[in-house]
Amino acid sequence: MKDELKKYKVVRFFQRRDLDSQTIIDSCPLEEAQEHCQDPETDSNTCTNQESLERTRKFGPWFDGYLEII
């Protein structure tokens, strides 16, 4: 399959084993997934906005990553 036809989903992963990952974006091109995940607000280590800081306080370390949809 050509790269431009591949689709990806963006998933929020939590370090805590008792928390399931959450799909943030169901289907998007690679460029969109990469752009989303490069935002500092998509990682508990670099986030600064209130919503992300509250998520970190409640759930511990987390980050958004992307997976190819097969």
PDB file of N, CA and C in Angstrom:
ATOM      1  N   MET A   1       0.842  -1.175   0.000  1.00  0.00           N
ATOM      2  CA  MET A   1       0.000   0.000   0.000  1.00  0.00           C
ATOM      3  C   MET A   1       0.890   1.242   0.000  1.00  0.00           C
ATOM      4  N   LYS A   2       0.538   2.206  -0.793  1.00  0.00           N
ATOM      5  CA  LYS A   2       1.320   3.424  -0.851  1.00  0.00           C
ATOM      6  C   LYS A   2       1.195   4.184   0.465  1.00  0.00           C
ATOM      7  N   ASP A   3       2.307   4.836   0.866  1.00  0.00           N
ATOM      8  CA  ASP A   3       2.323   5.549   2.142  1.00  0.00           C
ATOM      9  C   ASP A   3       1.226   6.591   2.267  1.00  0.00           C
ATOM     10  N   GLU A   4       0.928   7.305   1.189  1.00  0.00           N
ATOM     11  CA  GLU A   4      -0.083   8.365   1.282  1.00  0.00           C
ATOM     12  C   GLU A   4      -1.490   7.815   1.470  1.00  0.00           C
ATOM     13  N   LEU A   5      -1.686   6.533   1.237  1.00  0.00           N
ATOM     14  CA  LEU A   5      -3.000   5.918   1.431  1.00  0.00           C
ATOM     15  C   LEU A   5      -3.152   5.305   2.832  1.00  0.00           C
ATOM     16  N   LYS A   6      -2.057   5.152   3.549  1.00  0.00           N
ATOM     17  CA  LYS A   6      -2.122   4.576   4.892  1.00  0.00           C
ATOM     18  C   LYS A   6      -2.811   5.554   5.837  1.00  0.00           C
ATOM     19  N   LYS A   7      -3.495   5.009   6.801  1.00  0.00           N
ATOM     20  CA  LYS A   7      -4.179   5.805   7.813  1.00  0.00           C
ATOM     21  C   LYS A   7      -3.647   5.422   9.188  1.00  0.00           C
ATOM     22  N   TYR A   8      -3.746   6.352  10.110  1.00  0.00           N
ATOM     23  CA  TYR A   8      -3.226   6.179  11.456  1.00  0.00           C
ATOM     24  C   TYR A   8      -4.266   6.618  12.462  1.00  0.00           C
ATOM     25  N   LYS A   9      -4.178   6.070  13.655  1.00  0.00           N
ATOM     26  CA  LYS A   9      -5.007   6.557  14.749  1.00  0.00           C
ATOM     27  C   LYS A   9      -4.083   7.089  15.834  1.00  0.00           C
ATOM     28  N   VAL A  10      -4.548   8.120  16.515  1.00  0.00           N
ATOM     29  CA  VAL A  10      -3.801   8.712  17.619  1.00  0.00           C
ATOM     30  C   VAL A  10      -4.386   8.157  18.905  1.00  0.00           C
ATOM     31  N   VAL A  11      -3.508   7.651  19.753  1.00  0.00           N
ATOM     32  CA  VAL A  11      -3.929   6.964  20.969  1.00  0.00           C
ATOM     33  C   VAL A  11      -3.233   7.603  22.174  1.00  0.00           C
ATOM     34  N   ARG A  12      -3.981   7.797  23.244  1.00  0.00           N
ATOM     35  CA  ARG A  12      -3.399   8.275  24.502  1.00  0.00           C
ATOM     36  C   ARG A  12      -3.063   7.059  25.343  1.00  0.00           C
ATOM     37  N   PHE A  13      -1.790   6.944  25.698  1.00  0.00           N
ATOM     38  CA  PHE A  13      -1.289   5.845  26.504  1.00  0.00           C
ATOM     39  C   PHE A  13      -1.003   6.334  27.919  1.00  0.00           C
ATOM     40  N   PHE A  14      -1.351   5.524  28.890  1.00  0.00           N
ATOM     41  CA  PHE A  14      -1.107   5.834  30.293  1.00  0.00           C
ATOM     42  C   PHE A  14      -0.081   4.855  30.858  1.00  0.00           C
ATOM     43  N   GLN A  15       0.752   5.347  31.752  1.00  0.00           N
ATOM     44  CA  GLN A  15       1.746   4.473  32.367  1.00  0.00           C
ATOM     45  C   GLN A  15       1.084   3.475  33.316  1.00  0.00           C
ATOM     46  N   ARG A  16       0.023   3.910  33.992  1.00  0.00           N
ATOM     47  CA  ARG A  16      -0.659   3.013  34.917  1.00  0.00           C
ATOM     48  C   ARG A  16      -1.280   1.850  34.162  1.00  0.00           C
ATOM     49  N   ARG A  17      -1.012   0.653  34.624  1.00  0.00           N
ATOM     50  CA  ARG A  17      -1.507  -0.552  33.955  1.00  0.00           C
ATOM     51  C   ARG A  17      -3.017  -0.739  34.110  1.00  0.00           C
ATOM     52  N   ASP A  18      -3.603  -0.095  35.099  1.00  0.00           N
ATOM     53  CA  ASP A  18      -5.049  -0.249  35.311  1.00  0.00           C
ATOM     54  C   ASP A  18      -5.872   0.694  34.436  1.00  0.00           C
ATOM     55  N   LEU A  19      -5.221   1.526  33.634  1.00  0.00           N
ATOM     56  CA  LEU A  19      -5.926   2.440  32.733  1.00  0.00           C
ATOM     57  C   LEU A  19      -5.768   1.984  31.289  1.00  0.00           C
ATOM     58  N   ASP A  20      -6.877   1.893  30.587  1.00  0.00           N
ATOM     59  CA  ASP A  20      -6.837   1.532  29.169  1.00  0.00           C
ATOM     60  C   ASP A  20      -6.430   2.739  28.341  1.00  0.00           C
ATOM     61  N   SER A  21      -5.793   2.485  27.221  1.00  0.00           N
ATOM     62  CA  SER A  21      -5.470   3.567  26.295  1.00  0.00           C
ATOM     63  C   SER A  21      -6.770   4.095  25.687  1.00  0.00           C
ATOM     64  N   GLN A  22      -6.727   5.346  25.198  1.00  0.00           N
ATOM     65  CA  GLN A  22      -7.908   5.991  24.633  1.00  0.00           C
ATOM     66  C   GLN A  22      -7.585   6.464  23.222  1.00  0.00           C
ATOM     67  N   THR A  23      -8.462   6.172  22.286  1.00  0.00           N
ATOM     68  CA  THR A  23      -8.293   6.688  20.934  1.00  0.00           C
ATOM     69  C   THR A  23      -8.705   8.150  20.921  1.00  0.00           C
ATOM     70  N   ILE A  24      -7.799   9.006  20.443  1.00  0.00           N
ATOM     71  CA  ILE A  24      -8.034  10.445  20.384  1.00  0.00           C
ATOM     72  C   ILE A  24      -8.513  10.840  18.990  1.00  0.00           C
ATOM     73  N   ILE A  25      -7.904  10.276  17.955  1.00  0.00           N
ATOM     74  CA  ILE A  25      -8.308  10.487  16.562  1.00  0.00           C
ATOM     75  C   ILE A  25      -8.434   9.110  15.926  1.00  0.00           C
ATOM     76  N   ASP A  26      -9.597   8.809  15.340  1.00  0.00           N
ATOM     77  CA  ASP A  26      -9.860   7.476  14.779  1.00  0.00           C
ATOM     78  C   ASP A  26      -9.056   7.172  13.523  1.00  0.00           C
ATOM     79  N   SER A  27      -8.938   8.141  12.628  1.00  0.00           N
ATOM     80  CA  SER A  27      -8.295   7.892  11.348  1.00  0.00           C
ATOM     81  C   SER A  27      -7.793   9.208  10.769  1.00  0.00           C
ATOM     82  N   CYS A  28      -6.507   9.228  10.427  1.00  0.00           N
ATOM     83  CA  CYS A  28      -5.925  10.444   9.837  1.00  0.00           C
ATOM     84  C   CYS A  28      -4.662  10.061   9.075  1.00  0.00           C
ATOM     85  N   PRO A  29      -4.193  10.966   8.206  1.00  0.00           N
ATOM     86  CA  PRO A  29      -2.936  10.710   7.505  1.00  0.00           C
ATOM     87  C   PRO A  29      -1.756  10.814   8.475  1.00  0.00           C
ATOM     88  N   LEU A  30      -0.636  10.256   8.086  1.00  0.00           N
ATOM     89  CA  LEU A  30       0.564  10.253   8.915  1.00  0.00           C
ATOM     90  C   LEU A  30       0.944  11.662   9.358  1.00  0.00           C
ATOM     91  N   GLU A  31       0.919  12.612   8.445  1.00  0.00           N
ATOM     92  CA  GLU A  31       1.339  13.980   8.768  1.00  0.00           C
ATOM     93  C   GLU A  31       0.507  14.568   9.902  1.00  0.00           C
ATOM     94  N   GLU A  32      -0.792  14.319   9.882  1.00  0.00           N
ATOM     95  CA  GLU A  32      -1.675  14.832  10.938  1.00  0.00           C
ATOM     96  C   GLU A  32      -1.366  14.160  12.279  1.00  0.00           C
ATOM     97  N   ALA A  33      -1.140  12.863  12.254  1.00  0.00           N
ATOM     98  CA  ALA A  33      -0.810  12.137  13.478  1.00  0.00           C
ATOM     99  C   ALA A  33       0.507  12.643  14.065  1.00  0.00           C
ATOM    100  N   GLN A  34       1.502  12.838  13.212  1.00  0.00           N
ATOM    101  CA  GLN A  34       2.798  13.334  13.678  1.00  0.00           C
ATOM    102  C   GLN A  34       2.667  14.747  14.247  1.00  0.00           C
ATOM    103  N   GLU A  35       1.926  15.593  13.552  1.00  0.00           N
ATOM    104  CA  GLU A  35       1.741  16.972  14.018  1.00  0.00           C
ATOM    105  C   GLU A  35       1.067  16.988  15.387  1.00  0.00           C
ATOM    106  N   HIS A  36       0.036  16.173  15.554  1.00  0.00           N
ATOM    107  CA  HIS A  36      -0.655  16.108  16.839  1.00  0.00           C
ATOM    108  C   HIS A  36       0.317  15.696  17.945  1.00  0.00           C
ATOM    109  N   CYS A  37       1.086  14.655  17.700  1.00  0.00           N
ATOM    110  CA  CYS A  37       1.956  14.098  18.733  1.00  0.00           C
ATOM    111  C   CYS A  37       3.178  14.975  19.027  1.00  0.00           C
ATOM    112  N   GLN A  38       3.497  15.908  18.148  1.00  0.00           N
ATOM    113  CA  GLN A  38       4.619  16.821  18.398  1.00  0.00           C
ATOM    114  C   GLN A  38       4.220  18.013  19.271  1.00  0.00           C
ATOM    115  N   ASP A  39       2.933  18.183  19.492  1.00  0.00           N
ATOM    116  CA  ASP A  39       2.459  19.266  20.348  1.00  0.00           C
ATOM    117  C   ASP A  39       2.860  18.963  21.795  1.00  0.00           C
ATOM    118  N   PRO A  40       3.493  19.904  22.486  1.00  0.00           N
ATOM    119  CA  PRO A  40       3.891  19.668  23.881  1.00  0.00           C
ATOM    120  C   PRO A  40       2.725  19.316  24.803  1.00  0.00           C
ATOM    121  N   GLU A  41       1.510  19.694  24.424  1.00  0.00           N
ATOM    122  CA  GLU A  41       0.346  19.398  25.265  1.00  0.00           C
ATOM    123  C   GLU A  41      -0.112  17.945  25.164  1.00  0.00           C
ATOM    124  N   THR A  42       0.574  17.131  24.369  1.00  0.00           N
ATOM    125  CA  THR A  42       0.191  15.727  24.207  1.00  0.00           C
ATOM    126  C   THR A  42       1.116  14.785  24.971  1.00  0.00           C
ATOM    127  N   ASP A  43       1.769  15.314  26.013  1.00  0.00           N
ATOM    128  CA  ASP A  43       2.686  14.506  26.829  1.00  0.00           C
ATOM    129  C   ASP A  43       2.708  15.092  28.237  1.00  0.00           C
ATOM    130  N   SER A  44       2.561  14.240  29.231  1.00  0.00           N
ATOM    131  CA  SER A  44       2.538  14.718  30.616  1.00  0.00           C
ATOM    132  C   SER A  44       3.856  15.362  31.036  1.00  0.00           C
ATOM    133  N   ASN A  45       4.943  15.063  30.356  1.00  0.00           N
ATOM    134  CA  ASN A  45       6.241  15.644  30.707  1.00  0.00           C
ATOM    135  C   ASN A  45       6.423  17.070  30.199  1.00  0.00           C
ATOM    136  N   THR A  46       5.623  17.482  29.207  1.00  0.00           N
ATOM    137  CA  THR A  46       5.820  18.790  28.594  1.00  0.00           C
ATOM    138  C   THR A  46       4.568  19.667  28.599  1.00  0.00           C
ATOM    139  N   CYS A  47       3.450  19.136  29.040  1.00  0.00           N
ATOM    140  CA  CYS A  47       2.203  19.902  28.997  1.00  0.00           C
ATOM    141  C   CYS A  47       2.219  21.053  30.004  1.00  0.00           C
ATOM    142  N   THR A  48       1.461  22.106  29.674  1.00  0.00           N
ATOM    143  CA  THR A  48       1.359  23.266  30.564  1.00  0.00           C
ATOM    144  C   THR A  48      -0.073  23.758  30.733  1.00  0.00           C
ATOM    145  N   ASN A  49      -1.005  23.315  29.874  1.00  0.00           N
ATOM    146  CA  ASN A  49      -2.370  23.835  30.014  1.00  0.00           C
ATOM    147  C   ASN A  49      -3.096  23.121  31.157  1.00  0.00           C
ATOM    148  N   GLN A  50      -4.115  23.787  31.677  1.00  0.00           N
ATOM    149  CA  GLN A  50      -4.815  23.309  32.867  1.00  0.00           C
ATOM    150  C   GLN A  50      -5.419  21.925  32.682  1.00  0.00           C
ATOM    151  N   GLU A  51      -6.043  21.686  31.535  1.00  0.00           N
ATOM    152  CA  GLU A  51      -6.680  20.389  31.278  1.00  0.00           C
ATOM    153  C   GLU A  51      -5.653  19.252  31.309  1.00  0.00           C
ATOM    154  N   SER A  52      -4.524  19.441  30.665  1.00  0.00           N
ATOM    155  CA  SER A  52      -3.493  18.406  30.611  1.00  0.00           C
ATOM    156  C   SER A  52      -2.842  18.190  31.973  1.00  0.00           C
ATOM    157  N   LEU A  53      -2.619  19.281  32.705  1.00  0.00           N
ATOM    158  CA  LEU A  53      -2.036  19.158  34.045  1.00  0.00           C
ATOM    159  C   LEU A  53      -2.984  18.421  34.985  1.00  0.00           C
ATOM    160  N   GLU A  54      -4.276  18.677  34.857  1.00  0.00           N
ATOM    161  CA  GLU A  54      -5.273  17.980  35.675  1.00  0.00           C
ATOM    162  C   GLU A  54      -5.298  16.491  35.332  1.00  0.00           C
ATOM    163  N   ARG A  55      -5.199  16.156  34.041  1.00  0.00           N
ATOM    164  CA  ARG A  55      -5.141  14.754  33.622  1.00  0.00           C
ATOM    165  C   ARG A  55      -3.936  14.065  34.265  1.00  0.00           C
ATOM    166  N   THR A  56      -2.802  14.745  34.254  1.00  0.00           N
ATOM    167  CA  THR A  56      -1.584  14.177  34.840  1.00  0.00           C
ATOM    168  C   THR A  56      -1.760  13.977  36.343  1.00  0.00           C
ATOM    169  N   ARG A  57      -2.363  14.953  37.016  1.00  0.00           N
ATOM    170  CA  ARG A  57      -2.585  14.843  38.458  1.00  0.00           C
ATOM    171  C   ARG A  57      -3.484  13.647  38.778  1.00  0.00           C
ATOM    172  N   LYS A  58      -4.537  13.446  37.968  1.00  0.00           N
ATOM    173  CA  LYS A  58      -5.492  12.371  38.226  1.00  0.00           C
ATOM    174  C   LYS A  58      -4.978  10.989  37.835  1.00  0.00           C
ATOM    175  N   PHE A  59      -4.247  10.916  36.705  1.00  0.00           N
ATOM    176  CA  PHE A  59      -3.925   9.611  36.129  1.00  0.00           C
ATOM    177  C   PHE A  59      -2.439   9.280  36.071  1.00  0.00           C
ATOM    178  N   GLY A  60      -1.585  10.220  36.410  1.00  0.00           N
ATOM    179  CA  GLY A  60      -0.150   9.970  36.331  1.00  0.00           C
ATOM    180  C   GLY A  60       0.362  10.180  34.911  1.00  0.00           C
ATOM    181  N   PRO A  61       1.578   9.712  34.630  1.00  0.00           N
ATOM    182  CA  PRO A  61       2.204   9.929  33.318  1.00  0.00           C
ATOM    183  C   PRO A  61       1.384   9.362  32.159  1.00  0.00           C
ATOM    184  N   TRP A  62       1.404  10.093  31.051  1.00  0.00           N
ATOM    185  CA  TRP A  62       0.670   9.705  29.845  1.00  0.00           C
ATOM    186  C   TRP A  62       1.327  10.376  28.650  1.00  0.00           C
ATOM    187  N   PHE A  63       1.010   9.911  27.469  1.00  0.00           N
ATOM    188  CA  PHE A  63       1.452  10.554  26.226  1.00  0.00           C
ATOM    189  C   PHE A  63       0.560  10.104  25.084  1.00  0.00           C
ATOM    190  N   ASP A  64       0.511  10.910  24.029  1.00  0.00           N
ATOM    191  CA  ASP A  64      -0.215  10.544  22.820  1.00  0.00           C
ATOM    192  C   ASP A  64       0.782  10.004  21.790  1.00  0.00           C
ATOM    193  N   GLY A  65       0.445   8.898  21.197  1.00  0.00           N
ATOM    194  CA  GLY A  65       1.256   8.292  20.143  1.00  0.00           C
ATOM    195  C   GLY A  65       0.336   7.901  18.998  1.00  0.00           C
ATOM    196  N   TYR A  66       0.906   7.372  17.935  1.00  0.00           N
ATOM    197  CA  TYR A  66       0.064   6.972  16.796  1.00  0.00           C
ATOM    198  C   TYR A  66       0.426   5.580  16.332  1.00  0.00           C
ATOM    199  N   LEU A  67      -0.589   4.910  15.794  1.00  0.00           N
ATOM    200  CA  LEU A  67      -0.461   3.549  15.296  1.00  0.00           C
ATOM    201  C   LEU A  67      -1.063   3.466  13.905  1.00  0.00           C
ATOM    202  N   GLU A  68      -0.426   2.714  13.039  1.00  0.00           N
ATOM    203  CA  GLU A  68      -0.984   2.504  11.711  1.00  0.00           C
ATOM    204  C   GLU A  68      -2.232   1.633  11.826  1.00  0.00           C
ATOM    205  N   ILE A  69      -3.261   2.021  11.104  1.00  0.00           N
ATOM    206  CA  ILE A  69      -4.486   1.213  11.045  1.00  0.00           C
ATOM    207  C   ILE A  69      -4.285   0.156   9.977  1.00  0.00           C
ATOM    208  N   ILE A  70      -4.430  -1.082  10.370  1.00  0.00           N
ATOM    209  CA  ILE A  70      -4.206  -2.190   9.427  1.00  0.00           C
ATOM    210  C   ILE A  70      -5.530  -2.810   9.037  1.00  0.00           C
TER     211      ILE A  70
END
